PDB file of N, CA and C in Angstrom:
ATOM      1  N   UNK A   1     118.010  95.978 116.111  1.00  0.00           N
ATOM      2  CA  UNK A   1     116.530  95.951 116.029  1.00  0.00           C
ATOM      3  C   UNK A   1     115.882  96.496 117.331  1.00  0.00           C
ATOM      4  N   UNK A   2     116.541  96.199 118.458  1.00  0.00           N
ATOM      5  CA  UNK A   2     115.999  96.748 119.699  1.00  0.00           C
ATOM      6  C   UNK A   2     115.989  98.243 119.711  1.00  0.00           C
ATOM      7  N   UNK A   3     117.043  98.835 119.206  1.00  0.00           N
ATOM      8  CA  UNK A   3     117.135 100.295 119.126  1.00  0.00           C
ATOM      9  C   UNK A   3     116.032 100.835 118.151  1.00  0.00           C
ATOM     10  N   UNK A   4     115.843 100.130 117.067  1.00  0.00           N
ATOM     11  CA  UNK A   4     114.823 100.514 116.092  1.00  0.00           C
ATOM     12  C   UNK A   4     113.432 100.558 116.759  1.00  0.00           C
ATOM     13  N   UNK A   5     113.126  99.526 117.479  1.00  0.00           N
ATOM     14  CA  UNK A   5     111.796  99.443 118.124  1.00  0.00           C
ATOM     15  C   UNK A   5     111.678 100.539 119.217  1.00  0.00           C
ATOM     16  N   UNK A   6     112.723 100.738 119.984  1.00  0.00           N
ATOM     17  CA  UNK A   6     112.679 101.764 121.031  1.00  0.00           C
ATOM     18  C   UNK A   6     112.572 103.142 120.448  1.00  0.00           C
ATOM     19  N   UNK A   7     113.289 103.395 119.374  1.00  0.00           N
ATOM     20  CA  UNK A   7     113.248 104.711 118.716  1.00  0.00           C
ATOM     21  C   UNK A   7     111.901 104.946 118.132  1.00  0.00           C
ATOM     22  N   UNK A   8     111.267 103.929 117.538  1.00  0.00           N
ATOM     23  CA  UNK A   8     109.918 104.072 116.996  1.00  0.00           C
ATOM     24  C   UNK A   8     108.929 104.453 118.083  1.00  0.00           C
ATOM     25  N   UNK A   9     108.977 103.732 119.167  1.00  0.00           N
ATOM     26  CA  UNK A   9     108.049 104.004 120.257  1.00  0.00           C
ATOM     27  C   UNK A   9     108.196 105.413 120.809  1.00  0.00           C
ATOM     28  N   UNK A  10     109.434 105.860 120.890  1.00  0.00           N
ATOM     29  CA  UNK A  10     109.658 107.214 121.455  1.00  0.00           C
ATOM     30  C   UNK A  10     109.234 108.326 120.475  1.00  0.00           C
ATOM     31  N   UNK A  11     109.376 108.119 119.171  1.00  0.00           N
ATOM     32  CA  UNK A  11     109.120 109.166 118.194  1.00  0.00           C
ATOM     33  C   UNK A  11     107.704 109.236 117.721  1.00  0.00           C
ATOM     34  N   UNK A  12     106.923 108.181 117.914  1.00  0.00           N
ATOM     35  CA  UNK A  12     105.565 108.145 117.399  1.00  0.00           C
ATOM     36  C   UNK A  12     104.700 109.316 117.826  1.00  0.00           C
ATOM     37  N   UNK A  13     104.693 109.651 119.114  1.00  0.00           N
ATOM     38  CA  UNK A  13     103.774 110.800 119.579  1.00  0.00           C
ATOM     39  C   UNK A  13     104.191 112.166 119.030  1.00  0.00           C
ATOM     40  N   UNK A  14     105.439 112.288 118.597  1.00  0.00           N
ATOM     41  CA  UNK A  14     105.906 113.632 118.183  1.00  0.00           C
ATOM     42  C   UNK A  14     105.856 113.884 116.654  1.00  0.00           C
ATOM     43  N   UNK A  15     105.453 112.895 115.878  1.00  0.00           N
ATOM     44  CA  UNK A  15     105.454 113.029 114.419  1.00  0.00           C
ATOM     45  C   UNK A  15     104.070 112.874 113.847  1.00  0.00           C
ATOM     46  N   UNK A  16     103.892 113.548 112.705  1.00  0.00           N
ATOM     47  CA  UNK A  16     102.677 113.301 111.896  1.00  0.00           C
ATOM     48  C   UNK A  16     102.665 111.828 111.541  1.00  0.00           C
ATOM     49  N   UNK A  17     101.543 111.148 111.533  1.00  0.00           N
ATOM     50  CA  UNK A  17     101.454 109.719 111.252  1.00  0.00           C
ATOM     51  C   UNK A  17     102.058 109.305 109.901  1.00  0.00           C
ATOM     52  N   UNK A  18     101.926 110.113 108.862  1.00  0.00           N
ATOM     53  CA  UNK A  18     102.517 109.734 107.570  1.00  0.00           C
ATOM     54  C   UNK A  18     104.043 109.847 107.594  1.00  0.00           C
ATOM     55  N   UNK A  19     104.527 110.872 108.258  1.00  0.00           N
ATOM     56  CA  UNK A  19     105.977 110.999 108.372  1.00  0.00           C
ATOM     57  C   UNK A  19     106.511 109.892 109.251  1.00  0.00           C
ATOM     58  N   UNK A  20     105.831 109.567 110.343  1.00  0.00           N
ATOM     59  CA  UNK A  20     106.269 108.475 111.206  1.00  0.00           C
ATOM     60  C   UNK A  20     106.322 107.180 110.448  1.00  0.00           C
ATOM     61  N   UNK A  21     105.256 106.859 109.689  1.00  0.00           N
ATOM     62  CA  UNK A  21     105.206 105.594 108.926  1.00  0.00           C
ATOM     63  C   UNK A  21     106.312 105.535 107.888  1.00  0.00           C
ATOM     64  N   UNK A  22     106.544 106.674 107.233  1.00  0.00           N
ATOM     65  CA  UNK A  22     107.604 106.712 106.209  1.00  0.00           C
ATOM     66  C   UNK A  22     108.979 106.513 106.839  1.00  0.00           C
ATOM     67  N   UNK A  23     109.233 107.147 107.948  1.00  0.00           N
ATOM     68  CA  UNK A  23     110.526 107.017 108.610  1.00  0.00           C
ATOM     69  C   UNK A  23     110.683 105.580 109.186  1.00  0.00           C
ATOM     70  N   UNK A  24     109.612 104.972 109.654  1.00  0.00           N
ATOM     71  CA  UNK A  24     109.712 103.583 110.119  1.00  0.00           C
ATOM     72  C   UNK A  24     110.147 102.670 108.942  1.00  0.00           C
ATOM     73  N   UNK A  25     109.522 102.915 107.811  1.00  0.00           N
ATOM     74  CA  UNK A  25     109.908 102.155 106.569  1.00  0.00           C
ATOM     75  C   UNK A  25     111.361 102.359 106.264  1.00  0.00           C
ATOM     76  N   UNK A  26     111.783 103.630 106.190  1.00  0.00           N
ATOM     77  CA  UNK A  26     113.155 103.973 105.814  1.00  0.00           C
ATOM     78  C   UNK A  26     114.187 103.371 106.805  1.00  0.00           C
ATOM     79  N   UNK A  27     113.942 103.528 108.070  1.00  0.00           N
ATOM     80  CA  UNK A  27     114.889 103.023 109.102  1.00  0.00           C
ATOM     81  C   UNK A  27     114.998 101.501 109.046  1.00  0.00           C
ATOM     82  N   UNK A  28     113.887 100.838 108.823  1.00  0.00           N
ATOM     83  CA  UNK A  28     113.926  99.403 108.765  1.00  0.00           C
ATOM     84  C   UNK A  28     114.738  98.954 107.541  1.00  0.00           C
ATOM     85  N   UNK A  29     114.484  99.585 106.398  1.00  0.00           N
ATOM     86  CA  UNK A  29     115.236  99.244 105.201  1.00  0.00           C
ATOM     87  C   UNK A  29     116.734  99.469 105.359  1.00  0.00           C
ATOM     88  N   UNK A  30     117.065 100.530 106.067  1.00  0.00           N
ATOM     89  CA  UNK A  30     118.502 100.855 106.249  1.00  0.00           C
ATOM     90  C   UNK A  30     119.183  99.846 107.212  1.00  0.00           C
ATOM     91  N   UNK A  31     118.432  99.264 108.104  1.00  0.00           N
ATOM     92  CA  UNK A  31     118.974  98.177 108.958  1.00  0.00           C
ATOM     93  C   UNK A  31     119.200  96.914 108.107  1.00  0.00           C
ATOM     94  N   UNK A  32     118.225  96.595 107.279  1.00  0.00           N
ATOM     95  CA  UNK A  32     118.287  95.456 106.343  1.00  0.00           C
ATOM     96  C   UNK A  32     118.627  94.157 107.120  1.00  0.00           C
ATOM     97  N   UNK A  33     117.724  93.780 108.020  1.00  0.00           N
ATOM     98  CA  UNK A  33     118.028  92.631 108.882  1.00  0.00           C
ATOM     99  C   UNK A  33     117.924  91.243 108.224  1.00  0.00           C
ATOM    100  N   UNK A  34     117.211  91.089 107.137  1.00  0.00           N
ATOM    101  CA  UNK A  34     117.000  89.846 106.542  1.00  0.00           C
ATOM    102  C   UNK A  34     117.774  89.667 105.252  1.00  0.00           C
ATOM    103  N   UNK A  35     117.991  88.429 104.840  1.00  0.00           N
ATOM    104  CA  UNK A  35     118.635  88.154 103.560  1.00  0.00           C
ATOM    105  C   UNK A  35     117.728  88.568 102.399  1.00  0.00           C
ATOM    106  N   UNK A  36     116.455  88.318 102.553  1.00  0.00           N
ATOM    107  CA  UNK A  36     115.469  88.606 101.505  1.00  0.00           C
ATOM    108  C   UNK A  36     114.195  89.110 102.148  1.00  0.00           C
ATOM    109  N   UNK A  37     113.446  89.959 101.469  1.00  0.00           N
ATOM    110  CA  UNK A  37     112.137  90.382 101.930  1.00  0.00           C
ATOM    111  C   UNK A  37     112.120  91.650 102.737  1.00  0.00           C
ATOM    112  N   UNK A  38     113.266  92.321 102.821  1.00  0.00           N
ATOM    113  CA  UNK A  38     113.300  93.588 103.618  1.00  0.00           C
ATOM    114  C   UNK A  38     112.352  94.644 103.124  1.00  0.00           C
ATOM    115  N   UNK A  39     112.278  94.825 101.811  1.00  0.00           N
ATOM    116  CA  UNK A  39     111.353  95.826 101.263  1.00  0.00           C
ATOM    117  C   UNK A  39     109.901  95.496 101.531  1.00  0.00           C
ATOM    118  N   UNK A  40     109.525  94.248 101.405  1.00  0.00           N
ATOM    119  CA  UNK A  40     108.164  93.854 101.708  1.00  0.00           C
ATOM    120  C   UNK A  40     107.835  94.074 103.174  1.00  0.00           C
ATOM    121  N   UNK A  41     108.737  93.722 104.058  1.00  0.00           N
ATOM    122  CA  UNK A  41     108.494  93.905 105.500  1.00  0.00           C
ATOM    123  C   UNK A  41     108.434  95.389 105.790  1.00  0.00           C
ATOM    124  N   UNK A  42     109.320  96.177 105.206  1.00  0.00           N
ATOM    125  CA  UNK A  42     109.338  97.625 105.464  1.00  0.00           C
ATOM    126  C   UNK A  42     107.992  98.263 105.036  1.00  0.00           C
ATOM    127  N   UNK A  43     107.493  97.852 103.869  1.00  0.00           N
ATOM    128  CA  UNK A  43     106.211  98.412 103.409  1.00  0.00           C
ATOM    129  C   UNK A  43     105.070  97.938 104.329  1.00  0.00           C
ATOM    130  N   UNK A  44     105.167  96.694 104.807  1.00  0.00           N
ATOM    131  CA  UNK A  44     104.167  96.185 105.752  1.00  0.00           C
ATOM    132  C   UNK A  44     104.186  97.024 107.028  1.00  0.00           C
ATOM    133  N   UNK A  45     105.396  97.299 107.556  1.00  0.00           N
ATOM    134  CA  UNK A  45     105.481  98.112 108.791  1.00  0.00           C
ATOM    135  C   UNK A  45     104.898  99.517 108.497  1.00  0.00           C
ATOM    136  N   UNK A  46     105.273 100.109 107.384  1.00  0.00           N
ATOM    137  CA  UNK A  46     104.760 101.406 107.040  1.00  0.00           C
ATOM    138  C   UNK A  46     103.263 101.448 106.973  1.00  0.00           C
ATOM    139  N   UNK A  47     102.664 100.468 106.274  1.00  0.00           N
ATOM    140  CA  UNK A  47     101.211 100.415 106.133  1.00  0.00           C
ATOM    141  C   UNK A  47     100.514 100.083 107.418  1.00  0.00           C
ATOM    142  N   UNK A  48     101.114  99.289 108.280  1.00  0.00           N
ATOM    143  CA  UNK A  48     100.549  99.014 109.610  1.00  0.00           C
ATOM    144  C   UNK A  48     100.473 100.317 110.419  1.00  0.00           C
ATOM    145  N   UNK A  49     101.566 101.084 110.349  1.00  0.00           N
ATOM    146  CA  UNK A  49     101.592 102.377 111.051  1.00  0.00           C
ATOM    147  C   UNK A  49     100.501 103.324 110.491  1.00  0.00           C
ATOM    148  N   UNK A  50     100.362 103.337 109.198  1.00  0.00           N
ATOM    149  CA  UNK A  50      99.304 104.209 108.591  1.00  0.00           C
ATOM    150  C   UNK A  50      97.940 103.747 109.038  1.00  0.00           C
ATOM    151  N   UNK A  51      97.658 102.430 108.963  1.00  0.00           N
ATOM    152  CA  UNK A  51      96.316 101.916 109.338  1.00  0.00           C
ATOM    153  C   UNK A  51      96.050 102.193 110.818  1.00  0.00           C
ATOM    154  N   UNK A  52      97.023 102.040 111.703  1.00  0.00           N
ATOM    155  CA  UNK A  52      96.837 102.275 113.112  1.00  0.00           C
ATOM    156  C   UNK A  52      96.466 103.741 113.358  1.00  0.00           C
ATOM    157  N   UNK A  53      96.905 104.628 112.511  1.00  0.00           N
ATOM    158  CA  UNK A  53      96.604 106.058 112.673  1.00  0.00           C
ATOM    159  C   UNK A  53      95.337 106.487 111.891  1.00  0.00           C
ATOM    160  N   UNK A  54      94.653 105.495 111.239  1.00  0.00           N
ATOM    161  CA  UNK A  54      93.435 105.829 110.552  1.00  0.00           C
ATOM    162  C   UNK A  54      93.615 106.223 109.096  1.00  0.00           C
ATOM    163  N   UNK A  55      94.784 106.042 108.536  1.00  0.00           N
ATOM    164  CA  UNK A  55      95.047 106.383 107.152  1.00  0.00           C
ATOM    165  C   UNK A  55      94.990 105.105 106.325  1.00  0.00           C
ATOM    166  N   UNK A  56      94.741 105.287 104.984  1.00  0.00           N
ATOM    167  CA  UNK A  56      94.746 104.095 104.091  1.00  0.00           C
ATOM    168  C   UNK A  56      96.179 103.702 103.855  1.00  0.00           C
ATOM    169  N   UNK A  57      96.346 102.479 103.327  1.00  0.00           N
ATOM    170  CA  UNK A  57      97.693 102.029 102.999  1.00  0.00           C
ATOM    171  C   UNK A  57      98.230 102.835 101.822  1.00  0.00           C
ATOM    172  N   UNK A  58      99.538 102.899 101.772  1.00  0.00           N
ATOM    173  CA  UNK A  58     100.232 103.583 100.668  1.00  0.00           C
ATOM    174  C   UNK A  58     100.651 102.525  99.675  1.00  0.00           C
ATOM    175  N   UNK A  59     100.113 102.523  98.486  1.00  0.00           N
ATOM    176  CA  UNK A  59     100.451 101.573  97.465  1.00  0.00           C
ATOM    177  C   UNK A  59     101.396 102.253  96.490  1.00  0.00           C
ATOM    178  N   UNK A  60     102.553 101.616  96.258  1.00  0.00           N
ATOM    179  CA  UNK A  60     103.522 102.124  95.304  1.00  0.00           C
ATOM    180  C   UNK A  60     103.294 101.324  94.022  1.00  0.00           C
ATOM    181  N   UNK A  61     102.664 101.932  93.008  1.00  0.00           N
ATOM    182  CA  UNK A  61     102.386 101.167  91.793  1.00  0.00           C
ATOM    183  C   UNK A  61     103.723 100.819  91.059  1.00  0.00           C
ATOM    184  N   UNK A  62     103.735  99.719  90.373  1.00  0.00           N
ATOM    185  CA  UNK A  62     104.947  99.284  89.664  1.00  0.00           C
ATOM    186  C   UNK A  62     105.548 100.362  88.752  1.00  0.00           C
ATOM    187  N   UNK A  63     104.716 101.198  88.177  1.00  0.00           N
ATOM    188  CA  UNK A  63     105.245 102.257  87.296  1.00  0.00           C
ATOM    189  C   UNK A  63     106.062 103.250  88.057  1.00  0.00           C
ATOM    190  N   UNK A  64     105.864 103.366  89.386  1.00  0.00           N
ATOM    191  CA  UNK A  64     106.672 104.292  90.185  1.00  0.00           C
ATOM    192  C   UNK A  64     107.786 103.585  90.931  1.00  0.00           C
ATOM    193  N   UNK A  65     108.019 102.340  90.649  1.00  0.00           N
ATOM    194  CA  UNK A  65     109.036 101.562  91.364  1.00  0.00           C
ATOM    195  C   UNK A  65     110.419 102.148  91.294  1.00  0.00           C
ATOM    196  N   UNK A  66     110.832 102.592  90.097  1.00  0.00           N
ATOM    197  CA  UNK A  66     112.176 103.140  89.982  1.00  0.00           C
ATOM    198  C   UNK A  66     112.319 104.480  90.753  1.00  0.00           C
ATOM    199  N   UNK A  67     111.256 105.250  90.729  1.00  0.00           N
ATOM    200  CA  UNK A  67     111.203 106.530  91.500  1.00  0.00           C
ATOM    201  C   UNK A  67     111.291 106.224  93.002  1.00  0.00           C
ATOM    202  N   UNK A  68     110.519 105.236  93.438  1.00  0.00           N
ATOM    203  CA  UNK A  68     110.523 104.802  94.838  1.00  0.00           C
ATOM    204  C   UNK A  68     111.917 104.421  95.303  1.00  0.00           C
ATOM    205  N   UNK A  69     112.590 103.574  94.501  1.00  0.00           N
ATOM    206  CA  UNK A  69     113.949 103.144  94.849  1.00  0.00           C
ATOM    207  C   UNK A  69     114.920 104.343  94.889  1.00  0.00           C
ATOM    208  N   UNK A  70     114.845 105.205  93.860  1.00  0.00           N
ATOM    209  CA  UNK A  70     115.725 106.383  93.785  1.00  0.00           C
ATOM    210  C   UNK A  70     115.530 107.311  95.011  1.00  0.00           C
ATOM    211  N   UNK A  71     114.302 107.515  95.389  1.00  0.00           N
ATOM    212  CA  UNK A  71     114.003 108.417  96.508  1.00  0.00           C
ATOM    213  C   UNK A  71     114.382 107.781  97.812  1.00  0.00           C
ATOM    214  N   UNK A  72     114.249 106.468  97.903  1.00  0.00           N
ATOM    215  CA  UNK A  72     114.657 105.742  99.092  1.00  0.00           C
ATOM    216  C   UNK A  72     116.157 105.822  99.249  1.00  0.00           C
ATOM    217  N   UNK A  73     116.889 105.675  98.175  1.00  0.00           N
ATOM    218  CA  UNK A  73     118.362 105.798  98.198  1.00  0.00           C
ATOM    219  C   UNK A  73     118.784 107.191  98.654  1.00  0.00           C
ATOM    220  N   UNK A  74     118.087 108.180  98.075  1.00  0.00           N
ATOM    221  CA  UNK A  74     118.416 109.582  98.422  1.00  0.00           C
ATOM    222  C   UNK A  74     118.125 109.902  99.880  1.00  0.00           C
ATOM    223  N   UNK A  75     117.188 109.123 100.461  1.00  0.00           N
ATOM    224  CA  UNK A  75     116.804 109.316 101.868  1.00  0.00           C
ATOM    225  C   UNK A  75     117.953 109.041 102.856  1.00  0.00           C
ATOM    226  N   UNK A  76     119.016 108.441 102.369  1.00  0.00           N
ATOM    227  CA  UNK A  76     120.210 108.274 103.255  1.00  0.00           C
ATOM    228  C   UNK A  76     120.719 109.626 103.705  1.00  0.00           C
ATOM    229  N   UNK A  77     120.572 110.666 102.901  1.00  0.00           N
ATOM    230  CA  UNK A  77     121.008 112.005 103.252  1.00  0.00           C
ATOM    231  C   UNK A  77     119.922 113.022 103.466  1.00  0.00           C
ATOM    232  N   UNK A  78     118.772 112.798 102.779  1.00  0.00           N
ATOM    233  CA  UNK A  78     117.661 113.693 102.878  1.00  0.00           C
ATOM    234  C   UNK A  78     116.391 112.959 102.515  1.00  0.00           C
ATOM    235  N   UNK A  79     115.514 112.831 103.480  1.00  0.00           N
ATOM    236  CA  UNK A  79     114.335 111.984 103.236  1.00  0.00           C
ATOM    237  C   UNK A  79     113.066 112.762 102.808  1.00  0.00           C
ATOM    238  N   UNK A  80     113.242 114.032 102.477  1.00  0.00           N
ATOM    239  CA  UNK A  80     112.085 114.854 102.084  1.00  0.00           C
ATOM    240  C   UNK A  80     111.334 114.346 100.890  1.00  0.00           C
ATOM    241  N   UNK A  81     112.073 113.971  99.846  1.00  0.00           N
ATOM    242  CA  UNK A  81     111.420 113.458  98.614  1.00  0.00           C
ATOM    243  C   UNK A  81     110.743 112.123  98.887  1.00  0.00           C
ATOM    244  N   UNK A  82     111.361 111.269  99.696  1.00  0.00           N
ATOM    245  CA  UNK A  82     110.731 109.982 100.000  1.00  0.00           C
ATOM    246  C   UNK A  82     109.462 110.180 100.845  1.00  0.00           C
ATOM    247  N   UNK A  83     109.497 111.105 101.810  1.00  0.00           N
ATOM    248  CA  UNK A  83     108.294 111.390 102.592  1.00  0.00           C
ATOM    249  C   UNK A  83     107.165 111.896 101.651  1.00  0.00           C
ATOM    250  N   UNK A  84     107.546 112.773 100.707  1.00  0.00           N
ATOM    251  CA  UNK A  84     106.566 113.323  99.767  1.00  0.00           C
ATOM    252  C   UNK A  84     105.965 112.218  98.923  1.00  0.00           C
ATOM    253  N   UNK A  85     106.782 111.292  98.460  1.00  0.00           N
ATOM    254  CA  UNK A  85     106.278 110.172  97.647  1.00  0.00           C
ATOM    255  C   UNK A  85     105.265 109.350  98.434  1.00  0.00           C
ATOM    256  N   UNK A  86     105.591 109.025  99.675  1.00  0.00           N
ATOM    257  CA  UNK A  86     104.680 108.215 100.496  1.00  0.00           C
ATOM    258  C   UNK A  86     103.398 109.037 100.813  1.00  0.00           C
ATOM    259  N   UNK A  87     103.538 110.283 101.089  1.00  0.00           N
ATOM    260  CA  UNK A  87     102.400 111.158 101.373  1.00  0.00           C
ATOM    261  C   UNK A  87     101.472 111.199 100.146  1.00  0.00           C
ATOM    262  N   UNK A  88     102.038 111.336  98.960  1.00  0.00           N
ATOM    263  CA  UNK A  88     101.259 111.336  97.759  1.00  0.00           C
ATOM    264  C   UNK A  88     100.552 109.984  97.544  1.00  0.00           C
ATOM    265  N   UNK A  89     101.248 108.905  97.850  1.00  0.00           N
ATOM    266  CA  UNK A  89     100.638 107.544  97.717  1.00  0.00           C
ATOM    267  C   UNK A  89      99.489 107.395  98.700  1.00  0.00           C
ATOM    268  N   UNK A  90      99.645 107.954  99.919  1.00  0.00           N
ATOM    269  CA  UNK A  90      98.619 107.881 100.919  1.00  0.00           C
ATOM    270  C   UNK A  90      97.409 108.708 100.506  1.00  0.00           C
ATOM    271  N   UNK A  91      97.669 109.885  99.972  1.00  0.00           N
ATOM    272  CA  UNK A  91      96.607 110.738  99.452  1.00  0.00           C
ATOM    273  C   UNK A  91      95.882 110.048  98.308  1.00  0.00           C
ATOM    274  N   UNK A  92      96.606 109.371  97.399  1.00  0.00           N
ATOM    275  CA  UNK A  92      95.948 108.628  96.331  1.00  0.00           C
ATOM    276  C   UNK A  92      95.009 107.565  96.885  1.00  0.00           C
ATOM    277  N   UNK A  93      95.428 106.935  98.013  1.00  0.00           N
ATOM    278  CA  UNK A  93      94.550 105.931  98.663  1.00  0.00           C
ATOM    279  C   UNK A  93      93.308 106.571  99.196  1.00  0.00           C
ATOM    280  N   UNK A  94      93.424 107.730  99.792  1.00  0.00           N
ATOM    281  CA  UNK A  94      92.253 108.432 100.278  1.00  0.00           C
ATOM    282  C   UNK A  94      91.289 108.813  99.137  1.00  0.00           C
ATOM    283  N   UNK A  95      91.892 109.269  98.041  1.00  0.00           N
ATOM    284  CA  UNK A  95      91.050 109.616  96.853  1.00  0.00           C
ATOM    285  C   UNK A  95      90.329 108.355  96.324  1.00  0.00           C
ATOM    286  N   UNK A  96      90.997 107.216  96.347  1.00  0.00           N
ATOM    287  CA  UNK A  96      90.359 105.974  95.938  1.00  0.00           C
ATOM    288  C   UNK A  96      89.165 105.636  96.796  1.00  0.00           C
ATOM    289  N   UNK A  97      89.343 105.827  98.140  1.00  0.00           N
ATOM    290  CA  UNK A  97      88.228 105.523  99.046  1.00  0.00           C
ATOM    291  C   UNK A  97      87.048 106.491  98.754  1.00  0.00           C
ATOM    292  N   UNK A  98      87.309 107.758  98.560  1.00  0.00           N
ATOM    293  CA  UNK A  98      86.228 108.694  98.252  1.00  0.00           C
ATOM    294  C   UNK A  98      85.542 108.314  96.972  1.00  0.00           C
ATOM    295  N   UNK A  99      86.324 107.968  95.937  1.00  0.00           N
ATOM    296  CA  UNK A  99      85.764 107.558  94.651  1.00  0.00           C
ATOM    297  C   UNK A  99      84.856 106.317  94.833  1.00  0.00           C
ATOM    298  N   UNK A 100      85.364 105.374  95.584  1.00  0.00           N
ATOM    299  CA  UNK A 100      84.590 104.094  95.748  1.00  0.00           C
ATOM    300  C   UNK A 100      83.294 104.378  96.513  1.00  0.00           C
ATOM    301  N   UNK A 101      83.345 105.304  97.439  1.00  0.00           N
ATOM    302  CA  UNK A 101      82.119 105.626  98.205  1.00  0.00           C
ATOM    303  C   UNK A 101      81.146 106.450  97.399  1.00  0.00           C
ATOM    304  N   UNK A 102      81.630 107.012  96.280  1.00  0.00           N
ATOM    305  CA  UNK A 102      80.729 107.831  95.424  1.00  0.00           C
ATOM    306  C   UNK A 102      80.316 109.130  96.080  1.00  0.00           C
ATOM    307  N   UNK A 103      81.134 109.714  96.936  1.00  0.00           N
ATOM    308  CA  UNK A 103      80.766 110.955  97.619  1.00  0.00           C
ATOM    309  C   UNK A 103      81.400 112.187  97.021  1.00  0.00           C
ATOM    310  N   UNK A 104      82.170 111.998  95.946  1.00  0.00           N
ATOM    311  CA  UNK A 104      82.790 113.194  95.344  1.00  0.00           C
ATOM    312  C   UNK A 104      82.875 113.000  93.813  1.00  0.00           C
TER     313      UNK A 104
END
């Protein structure tokens, strides 16, 4: 976990915030430090990173749960699809904010 935190701190300035948040989620999940709740904590870390950078939270709707798990598993070798999924979820959050504000 100490390496995880150090690596996060070092990489944050060099990555786009959505990619950084997604990789923080992925790396935490791959460490799997707890008996239960790792997914919830990973999504909390990801969303905290997004909020700190001024982005909305990324909500993974239940209907996309299987896709989320499949892309997360694939991220062991290539995280492009997982990053895309989280970026799409973040964009959906932005669209929700715009719709709620009634500006588009």
